[in-house]
PDB file of N, CA and C in Angstrom:
ATOM      1  N   UNK A   1       0.843  -1.178   0.000  1.00  0.00           N
ATOM      2  CA  UNK A   1       0.000   0.000   0.000  1.00  0.00           C
ATOM      3  C   UNK A   1       0.883   1.234   0.000  1.00  0.00           C
ATOM      4  N   UNK A   2       0.707   2.096  -0.966  1.00  0.00           N
ATOM      5  CA  UNK A   2       1.420   3.365  -1.009  1.00  0.00           C
ATOM      6  C   UNK A   2       0.491   4.433  -0.447  1.00  0.00           C
ATOM      7  N   UNK A   3       0.955   5.130   0.600  1.00  0.00           N
ATOM      8  CA  UNK A   3       0.124   6.139   1.249  1.00  0.00           C
ATOM      9  C   UNK A   3       0.315   7.524   0.651  1.00  0.00           C
ATOM     10  N   UNK A   4       1.568   7.886   0.396  1.00  0.00           N
ATOM     11  CA  UNK A   4       1.829   9.210  -0.163  1.00  0.00           C
ATOM     12  C   UNK A   4       3.255   9.287  -0.679  1.00  0.00           C
ATOM     13  N   UNK A   5       3.533  10.369  -1.376  1.00  0.00           N
ATOM     14  CA  UNK A   5       4.895  10.676  -1.794  1.00  0.00           C
ATOM     15  C   UNK A   5       5.263  11.962  -1.089  1.00  0.00           C
ATOM     16  N   UNK A   6       6.386  11.949  -0.372  1.00  0.00           N
ATOM     17  CA  UNK A   6       6.803  13.103   0.429  1.00  0.00           C
ATOM     18  C   UNK A   6       8.188  13.568   0.011  1.00  0.00           C
ATOM     19  N   UNK A   7       8.406  14.854   0.140  1.00  0.00           N
ATOM     20  CA  UNK A   7       9.723  15.415  -0.108  1.00  0.00           C
ATOM     21  C   UNK A   7      10.291  15.834   1.245  1.00  0.00           C
ATOM     22  N   UNK A   8      11.481  15.330   1.559  1.00  0.00           N
ATOM     23  CA  UNK A   8      12.083  15.591   2.871  1.00  0.00           C
ATOM     24  C   UNK A   8      13.601  15.631   2.734  1.00  0.00           C
ATOM     25  N   UNK A   9      14.282  16.149   3.764  1.00  0.00           N
ATOM     26  CA  UNK A   9      15.752  16.110   3.720  1.00  0.00           C
ATOM     27  C   UNK A   9      16.231  14.661   3.718  1.00  0.00           C
ATOM     28  N   UNK A  10      17.419  14.395   3.171  1.00  0.00           N
ATOM     29  CA  UNK A  10      17.967  13.044   3.220  1.00  0.00           C
ATOM     30  C   UNK A  10      18.129  12.600   4.677  1.00  0.00           C
ATOM     31  N   UNK A  11      17.843  11.335   4.976  1.00  0.00           N
ATOM     32  CA  UNK A  11      17.883  10.892   6.371  1.00  0.00           C
ATOM     33  C   UNK A  11      19.286  10.902   6.966  1.00  0.00           C
ATOM     34  N   UNK A  12      20.313  10.752   6.134  1.00  0.00           N
ATOM     35  CA  UNK A  12      21.684  10.743   6.652  1.00  0.00           C
ATOM     36  C   UNK A  12      22.307  12.130   6.722  1.00  0.00           C
ATOM     37  N   UNK A  13      21.681  13.107   6.071  1.00  0.00           N
ATOM     38  CA  UNK A  13      22.218  14.470   6.018  1.00  0.00           C
ATOM     39  C   UNK A  13      21.091  15.453   6.284  1.00  0.00           C
ATOM     40  N   UNK A  14      20.556  15.440   7.497  1.00  0.00           N
ATOM     41  CA  UNK A  14      19.388  16.258   7.817  1.00  0.00           C
ATOM     42  C   UNK A  14      19.664  17.748   7.715  1.00  0.00           C
ATOM     43  N   UNK A  15      20.915  18.168   7.757  1.00  0.00           N
ATOM     44  CA  UNK A  15      21.250  19.583   7.622  1.00  0.00           C
ATOM     45  C   UNK A  15      21.366  19.999   6.159  1.00  0.00           C
ATOM     46  N   UNK A  16      21.200  19.073   5.250  1.00  0.00           N
ATOM     47  CA  UNK A  16      21.339  19.340   3.821  1.00  0.00           C
ATOM     48  C   UNK A  16      20.199  20.224   3.323  1.00  0.00           C
ATOM     49  N   UNK A  17      20.513  21.093   2.381  1.00  0.00           N
ATOM     50  CA  UNK A  17      19.482  21.926   1.760  1.00  0.00           C
ATOM     51  C   UNK A  17      18.729  21.159   0.676  1.00  0.00           C
ATOM     52  N   UNK A  18      19.293  20.040   0.227  1.00  0.00           N
ATOM     53  CA  UNK A  18      18.630  19.265  -0.823  1.00  0.00           C
ATOM     54  C   UNK A  18      17.440  18.505  -0.238  1.00  0.00           C
ATOM     55  N   UNK A  19      16.534  18.112  -1.107  1.00  0.00           N
ATOM     56  CA  UNK A  19      15.340  17.358  -0.714  1.00  0.00           C
ATOM     57  C   UNK A  19      15.306  16.053  -1.504  1.00  0.00           C
ATOM     58  N   UNK A  20      14.705  15.033  -0.925  1.00  0.00           N
ATOM     59  CA  UNK A  20      14.609  13.710  -1.536  1.00  0.00           C
ATOM     60  C   UNK A  20      13.140  13.306  -1.578  1.00  0.00           C
ATOM     61  N   UNK A  21      12.723  12.677  -2.680  1.00  0.00           N
ATOM     62  CA  UNK A  21      11.365  12.147  -2.756  1.00  0.00           C
ATOM     63  C   UNK A  21      11.331  10.759  -2.115  1.00  0.00           C
ATOM     64  N   UNK A  22      10.428  10.603  -1.161  1.00  0.00           N
ATOM     65  CA  UNK A  22      10.215   9.324  -0.495  1.00  0.00           C
ATOM     66  C   UNK A  22       8.787   8.867  -0.741  1.00  0.00           C
ATOM     67  N   UNK A  23       8.606   7.563  -0.835  1.00  0.00           N
ATOM     68  CA  UNK A  23       7.281   6.962  -0.929  1.00  0.00           C
ATOM     69  C   UNK A  23       6.946   6.432   0.458  1.00  0.00           C
ATOM     70  N   UNK A  24       5.843   6.906   1.038  1.00  0.00           N
ATOM     71  CA  UNK A  24       5.401   6.371   2.323  1.00  0.00           C
ATOM     72  C   UNK A  24       4.576   5.129   2.045  1.00  0.00           C
ATOM     73  N   UNK A  25       4.930   4.036   2.710  1.00  0.00           N
ATOM     74  CA  UNK A  25       4.268   2.761   2.446  1.00  0.00           C
ATOM     75  C   UNK A  25       4.022   2.016   3.751  1.00  0.00           C
ATOM     76  N   UNK A  26       3.158   1.020   3.712  1.00  0.00           N
ATOM     77  CA  UNK A  26       2.928   0.205   4.912  1.00  0.00           C
ATOM     78  C   UNK A  26       3.795  -1.048   4.924  1.00  0.00           C
ATOM     79  N   UNK A  27       4.704  -1.177   3.955  1.00  0.00           N
ATOM     80  CA  UNK A  27       5.628  -2.319   3.944  1.00  0.00           C
ATOM     81  C   UNK A  27       6.582  -2.183   5.126  1.00  0.00           C
ATOM     82  N   UNK A  28       6.561  -3.141   6.016  1.00  0.00           N
ATOM     83  CA  UNK A  28       7.398  -3.078   7.212  1.00  0.00           C
ATOM     84  C   UNK A  28       8.876  -3.008   6.853  1.00  0.00           C
ATOM     85  N   UNK A  29       9.602  -2.207   7.602  1.00  0.00           N
ATOM     86  CA  UNK A  29      11.042  -2.070   7.382  1.00  0.00           C
ATOM     87  C   UNK A  29      11.779  -2.805   8.488  1.00  0.00           C
ATOM     88  N   UNK A  30      12.639  -3.741   8.093  1.00  0.00           N
ATOM     89  CA  UNK A  30      13.483  -4.423   9.066  1.00  0.00           C
ATOM     90  C   UNK A  30      14.813  -4.729   8.394  1.00  0.00           C
ATOM     91  N   UNK A  31      15.747  -5.254   9.162  1.00  0.00           N
ATOM     92  CA  UNK A  31      17.104  -5.442   8.668  1.00  0.00           C
ATOM     93  C   UNK A  31      17.238  -6.234   7.380  1.00  0.00           C
ATOM     94  N   UNK A  32      16.283  -7.068   7.065  1.00  0.00           N
ATOM     95  CA  UNK A  32      16.426  -7.925   5.897  1.00  0.00           C
ATOM     96  C   UNK A  32      15.847  -7.404   4.604  1.00  0.00           C
ATOM     97  N   UNK A  33      15.026  -6.346   4.649  1.00  0.00           N
ATOM     98  CA  UNK A  33      14.393  -5.923   3.401  1.00  0.00           C
ATOM     99  C   UNK A  33      14.787  -4.520   2.949  1.00  0.00           C
ATOM    100  N   UNK A  34      15.639  -3.864   3.659  1.00  0.00           N
ATOM    101  CA  UNK A  34      16.102  -2.552   3.206  1.00  0.00           C
ATOM    102  C   UNK A  34      16.883  -2.735   1.911  1.00  0.00           C
ATOM    103  N   UNK A  35      16.586  -1.908   0.917  1.00  0.00           N
ATOM    104  CA  UNK A  35      17.240  -2.025  -0.376  1.00  0.00           C
ATOM    105  C   UNK A  35      16.455  -2.830  -1.376  1.00  0.00           C
ATOM    106  N   UNK A  36      15.357  -3.428  -0.961  1.00  0.00           N
ATOM    107  CA  UNK A  36      14.537  -4.205  -1.877  1.00  0.00           C
ATOM    108  C   UNK A  36      13.616  -3.325  -2.704  1.00  0.00           C
ATOM    109  N   UNK A  37      13.106  -3.854  -3.811  1.00  0.00           N
ATOM    110  CA  UNK A  37      12.240  -3.058  -4.685  1.00  0.00           C
ATOM    111  C   UNK A  37      10.845  -2.867  -4.094  1.00  0.00           C
ATOM    112  N   UNK A  38      10.210  -1.751  -4.454  1.00  0.00           N
ATOM    113  CA  UNK A  38       8.814  -1.492  -4.110  1.00  0.00           C
ATOM    114  C   UNK A  38       8.049  -1.512  -5.428  1.00  0.00           C
ATOM    115  N   UNK A  39       7.047  -2.354  -5.498  1.00  0.00           N
ATOM    116  CA  UNK A  39       6.273  -2.523  -6.727  1.00  0.00           C
ATOM    117  C   UNK A  39       4.936  -1.803  -6.648  1.00  0.00           C
ATOM    118  N   UNK A  40       4.501  -1.290  -7.781  1.00  0.00           N
ATOM    119  CA  UNK A  40       3.134  -0.822  -7.988  1.00  0.00           C
ATOM    120  C   UNK A  40       2.666  -1.580  -9.221  1.00  0.00           C
ATOM    121  N   UNK A  41       1.906  -2.630  -8.992  1.00  0.00           N
ATOM    122  CA  UNK A  41       1.548  -3.528 -10.095  1.00  0.00           C
ATOM    123  C   UNK A  41       2.804  -4.237 -10.564  1.00  0.00           C
ATOM    124  N   UNK A  42       3.102  -4.128 -11.860  1.00  0.00           N
ATOM    125  CA  UNK A  42       4.294  -4.764 -12.431  1.00  0.00           C
ATOM    126  C   UNK A  42       5.493  -3.823 -12.502  1.00  0.00           C
ATOM    127  N   UNK A  43       5.378  -2.638 -11.936  1.00  0.00           N
ATOM    128  CA  UNK A  43       6.425  -1.632 -12.055  1.00  0.00           C
ATOM    129  C   UNK A  43       7.153  -1.415 -10.734  1.00  0.00           C
ATOM    130  N   UNK A  44       8.482  -1.306 -10.817  1.00  0.00           N
ATOM    131  CA  UNK A  44       9.267  -0.937  -9.640  1.00  0.00           C
ATOM    132  C   UNK A  44       9.193   0.575  -9.526  1.00  0.00           C
ATOM    133  N   UNK A  45       8.715   1.071  -8.381  1.00  0.00           N
ATOM    134  CA  UNK A  45       8.549   2.513  -8.196  1.00  0.00           C
ATOM    135  C   UNK A  45       9.484   3.084  -7.142  1.00  0.00           C
ATOM    136  N   UNK A  46      10.227   2.212  -6.461  1.00  0.00           N
ATOM    137  CA  UNK A  46      11.133   2.705  -5.437  1.00  0.00           C
ATOM    138  C   UNK A  46      12.004   1.616  -4.861  1.00  0.00           C
ATOM    139  N   UNK A  47      12.848   2.040  -3.923  1.00  0.00           N
ATOM    140  CA  UNK A  47      13.754   1.138  -3.212  1.00  0.00           C
ATOM    141  C   UNK A  47      13.487   1.314  -1.720  1.00  0.00           C
ATOM    142  N   UNK A  48      13.105   0.221  -1.055  1.00  0.00           N
ATOM    143  CA  UNK A  48      12.762   0.285   0.370  1.00  0.00           C
ATOM    144  C   UNK A  48      13.973   0.739   1.181  1.00  0.00           C
ATOM    145  N   UNK A  49      13.756   1.684   2.102  1.00  0.00           N
ATOM    146  CA  UNK A  49      14.885   2.303   2.785  1.00  0.00           C
ATOM    147  C   UNK A  49      14.800   2.289   4.301  1.00  0.00           C
ATOM    148  N   UNK A  50      13.788   2.877   4.893  1.00  0.00           N
ATOM    149  CA  UNK A  50      13.788   3.028   6.357  1.00  0.00           C
ATOM    150  C   UNK A  50      12.376   3.148   6.915  1.00  0.00           C
ATOM    151  N   UNK A  51      12.270   2.948   8.225  1.00  0.00           N
ATOM    152  CA  UNK A  51      10.988   3.067   8.908  1.00  0.00           C
ATOM    153  C   UNK A  51      11.168   3.662  10.288  1.00  0.00           C
ATOM    154  N   UNK A  52      10.079   4.165  10.851  1.00  0.00           N
ATOM    155  CA  UNK A  52      10.097   4.733  12.199  1.00  0.00           C
ATOM    156  C   UNK A  52       9.724   3.634  13.174  1.00  0.00           C
ATOM    157  N   UNK A  53      10.547   3.455  14.181  1.00  0.00           N
ATOM    158  CA  UNK A  53      10.310   2.447  15.215  1.00  0.00           C
ATOM    159  C   UNK A  53      10.151   3.148  16.566  1.00  0.00           C
ATOM    160  N   UNK A  54       9.203   2.704  17.374  1.00  0.00           N
ATOM    161  CA  UNK A  54       9.037   3.265  18.712  1.00  0.00           C
ATOM    162  C   UNK A  54      10.097   2.688  19.631  1.00  0.00           C
ATOM    163  N   UNK A  55      10.710   3.543  20.418  1.00  0.00           N
ATOM    164  CA  UNK A  55      11.658   3.090  21.433  1.00  0.00           C
ATOM    165  C   UNK A  55      11.433   3.889  22.705  1.00  0.00           C
ATOM    166  N   UNK A  56      11.325   3.217  23.814  1.00  0.00           N
ATOM    167  CA  UNK A  56      11.175   3.895  25.101  1.00  0.00           C
ATOM    168  C   UNK A  56       9.975   4.825  25.122  1.00  0.00           C
ATOM    169  N   UNK A  57      10.220   6.082  25.502  1.00  0.00           N
ATOM    170  CA  UNK A  57       9.153   7.071  25.608  1.00  0.00           C
ATOM    171  C   UNK A  57       8.862   7.764  24.281  1.00  0.00           C
ATOM    172  N   UNK A  58       9.477   7.284  23.210  1.00  0.00           N
ATOM    173  CA  UNK A  58       9.294   7.891  21.889  1.00  0.00           C
ATOM    174  C   UNK A  58       7.814   7.836  21.501  1.00  0.00           C
ATOM    175  N   UNK A  59       7.285   8.966  21.072  1.00  0.00           N
ATOM    176  CA  UNK A  59       5.871   9.019  20.693  1.00  0.00           C
ATOM    177  C   UNK A  59       5.667   9.059  19.182  1.00  0.00           C
ATOM    178  N   UNK A  60       6.734   8.825  18.431  1.00  0.00           N
ATOM    179  CA  UNK A  60       6.610   8.820  16.967  1.00  0.00           C
ATOM    180  C   UNK A  60       5.677   7.695  16.537  1.00  0.00           C
ATOM    181  N   UNK A  61       5.016   7.900  15.420  1.00  0.00           N
ATOM    182  CA  UNK A  61       4.065   6.907  14.922  1.00  0.00           C
ATOM    183  C   UNK A  61       4.803   5.694  14.366  1.00  0.00           C
ATOM    184  N   UNK A  62       4.594   4.554  14.992  1.00  0.00           N
ATOM    185  CA  UNK A  62       5.198   3.323  14.493  1.00  0.00           C
ATOM    186  C   UNK A  62       4.453   2.885  13.241  1.00  0.00           C
ATOM    187  N   UNK A  63       5.178   2.278  12.312  1.00  0.00           N
ATOM    188  CA  UNK A  63       4.551   1.797  11.090  1.00  0.00           C
ATOM    189  C   UNK A  63       4.696   2.748   9.920  1.00  0.00           C
ATOM    190  N   UNK A  64       5.357   3.893  10.129  1.00  0.00           N
ATOM    191  CA  UNK A  64       5.657   4.773   9.000  1.00  0.00           C
ATOM    192  C   UNK A  64       6.925   4.254   8.356  1.00  0.00           C
ATOM    193  N   UNK A  65       6.820   3.826   7.122  1.00  0.00           N
ATOM    194  CA  UNK A  65       7.948   3.248   6.402  1.00  0.00           C
ATOM    195  C   UNK A  65       8.121   3.997   5.088  1.00  0.00           C
ATOM    196  N   UNK A  66       9.388   4.145   4.686  1.00  0.00           N
ATOM    197  CA  UNK A  66       9.681   4.983   3.538  1.00  0.00           C
ATOM    198  C   UNK A  66      10.619   4.286   2.570  1.00  0.00           C
ATOM    199  N   UNK A  67      10.395   4.561   1.295  1.00  0.00           N
ATOM    200  CA  UNK A  67      11.217   4.041   0.210  1.00  0.00           C
ATOM    201  C   UNK A  67      11.679   5.225  -0.634  1.00  0.00           C
ATOM    202  N   UNK A  68      12.831   5.091  -1.240  1.00  0.00           N
ATOM    203  CA  UNK A  68      13.344   6.141  -2.100  1.00  0.00           C
ATOM    204  C   UNK A  68      12.625   6.050  -3.443  1.00  0.00           C
ATOM    205  N   UNK A  69      12.077   7.151  -3.901  1.00  0.00           N
ATOM    206  CA  UNK A  69      11.345   7.219  -5.169  1.00  0.00           C
ATOM    207  C   UNK A  69      12.277   6.851  -6.324  1.00  0.00           C
ATOM    208  N   UNK A  70      11.757   6.149  -7.305  1.00  0.00           N
ATOM    209  CA  UNK A  70      12.588   5.682  -8.423  1.00  0.00           C
ATOM    210  C   UNK A  70      13.312   6.823  -9.130  1.00  0.00           C
ATOM    211  N   UNK A  71      12.719   8.007  -9.201  1.00  0.00           N
ATOM    212  CA  UNK A  71      13.377   9.128  -9.885  1.00  0.00           C
ATOM    213  C   UNK A  71      14.668   9.531  -9.178  1.00  0.00           C
ATOM    214  N   UNK A  72      14.701   9.385  -7.854  1.00  0.00           N
ATOM    215  CA  UNK A  72      15.924   9.676  -7.094  1.00  0.00           C
ATOM    216  C   UNK A  72      17.016   8.665  -7.441  1.00  0.00           C
ATOM    217  N   UNK A  73      16.621   7.416  -7.597  1.00  0.00           N
ATOM    218  CA  UNK A  73      17.577   6.361  -7.958  1.00  0.00           C
ATOM    219  C   UNK A  73      18.146   6.636  -9.342  1.00  0.00           C
ATOM    220  N   UNK A  74      17.271   6.972 -10.313  1.00  0.00           N
ATOM    221  CA  UNK A  74      17.738   7.288 -11.666  1.00  0.00           C
ATOM    222  C   UNK A  74      18.681   8.481 -11.657  1.00  0.00           C
ATOM    223  N   UNK A  75      18.337   9.539 -10.905  1.00  0.00           N
ATOM    224  CA  UNK A  75      19.207  10.719 -10.823  1.00  0.00           C
ATOM    225  C   UNK A  75      20.581  10.358 -10.267  1.00  0.00           C
ATOM    226  N   UNK A  76      20.598   9.528  -9.226  1.00  0.00           N
ATOM    227  CA  UNK A  76      21.860   9.105  -8.621  1.00  0.00           C
ATOM    228  C   UNK A  76      22.704   8.320  -9.626  1.00  0.00           C
ATOM    229  N   UNK A  77      22.086   7.359 -10.294  1.00  0.00           N
ATOM    230  CA  UNK A  77      22.820   6.539 -11.263  1.00  0.00           C
ATOM    231  C   UNK A  77      23.324   7.384 -12.429  1.00  0.00           C
ATOM    232  N   UNK A  78      22.472   8.283 -12.938  1.00  0.00           N
ATOM    233  CA  UNK A  78      22.888   9.162 -14.036  1.00  0.00           C
ATOM    234  C   UNK A  78      24.061  10.048 -13.632  1.00  0.00           C
ATOM    235  N   UNK A  79      24.009  10.618 -12.424  1.00  0.00           N
ATOM    236  CA  UNK A  79      25.072  11.530 -11.988  1.00  0.00           C
ATOM    237  C   UNK A  79      26.385  10.804 -11.718  1.00  0.00           C
ATOM    238  N   UNK A  80      26.340   9.477 -11.596  1.00  0.00           N
ATOM    239  CA  UNK A  80      27.543   8.681 -11.377  1.00  0.00           C
ATOM    240  C   UNK A  80      27.911   7.869 -12.610  1.00  0.00           C
ATOM    241  N   UNK A  81      27.366   8.283 -13.747  1.00  0.00           N
ATOM    242  CA  UNK A  81      27.650   7.673 -15.057  1.00  0.00           C
ATOM    243  C   UNK A  81      27.428   6.166 -15.103  1.00  0.00           C
ATOM    244  N   UNK A  82      26.388   5.715 -14.401  1.00  0.00           N
ATOM    245  CA  UNK A  82      26.014   4.305 -14.438  1.00  0.00           C
ATOM    246  C   UNK A  82      24.921   4.157 -15.482  1.00  0.00           C
ATOM    247  N   UNK A  83      25.184   3.353 -16.499  1.00  0.00           N
ATOM    248  CA  UNK A  83      24.229   3.154 -17.583  1.00  0.00           C
ATOM    249  C   UNK A  83      23.227   2.069 -17.194  1.00  0.00           C
ATOM    250  N   UNK A  84      21.959   2.373 -17.365  1.00  0.00           N
ATOM    251  CA  UNK A  84      20.904   1.407 -17.063  1.00  0.00           C
ATOM    252  C   UNK A  84      19.864   1.440 -18.176  1.00  0.00           C
ATOM    253  N   UNK A  85      19.071   0.404 -18.245  1.00  0.00           N
ATOM    254  CA  UNK A  85      17.965   0.362 -19.196  1.00  0.00           C
ATOM    255  C   UNK A  85      16.702   0.741 -18.429  1.00  0.00           C
ATOM    256  N   UNK A  86      16.154   1.903 -18.737  1.00  0.00           N
ATOM    257  CA  UNK A  86      14.938   2.364 -18.063  1.00  0.00           C
ATOM    258  C   UNK A  86      13.738   1.830 -18.819  1.00  0.00           C
ATOM    259  N   UNK A  87      12.843   1.158 -18.102  1.00  0.00           N
ATOM    260  CA  UNK A  87      11.678   0.548 -18.732  1.00  0.00           C
ATOM    261  C   UNK A  87      10.695   1.563 -19.275  1.00  0.00           C
ATOM    262  N   UNK A  88       9.662   1.070 -19.906  1.00  0.00           N
ATOM    263  CA  UNK A  88       8.654   1.960 -20.510  1.00  0.00           C
ATOM    264  C   UNK A  88       7.642   2.425 -19.490  1.00  0.00           C
TER     265      UNK A  88
END
């Protein structure tokens, strides 16, 4: 289930002025599935990345999981001169 597409600072560089497109999804994030594809029908639309986990007195909403939007992946690969075949 894809809930929304959000633009936010990169999770590793929160002080960055750049923004990244993330897909909010209900796909659980755990150590074994980070980096896996996110499908919408027969199309890969993102790469699973991270989720919010409750710890201690943390009141953040558990179950918010995010994937990197496919356009961000293409931009990264293009800027690093990695040739790929982009589907239709």
